[in-house]
Amino acid sequence: MSRPSTLILLGFLTIITPFSGLPVSFRSLLAVIFGVWILVIGLSMRANRE
């Protein structure tokens, strides 16, 4: 899966996580994990562009 596609998927998962019905602690953990992945992919895309 390409990096832009992965970013779109992570963005979608971040949007639907609050409405998933999961426990609050698990939703918080998912939000952190998704955020870290978005940051890593964004930084790698920026490094490849320069």
Foldseek 3Di string as FASTA:
>chain_A
DDLVVVLVVLVVCLVCLVVPPDDPVVSVVSNVVSVVSNVVSVVVVVVVVD
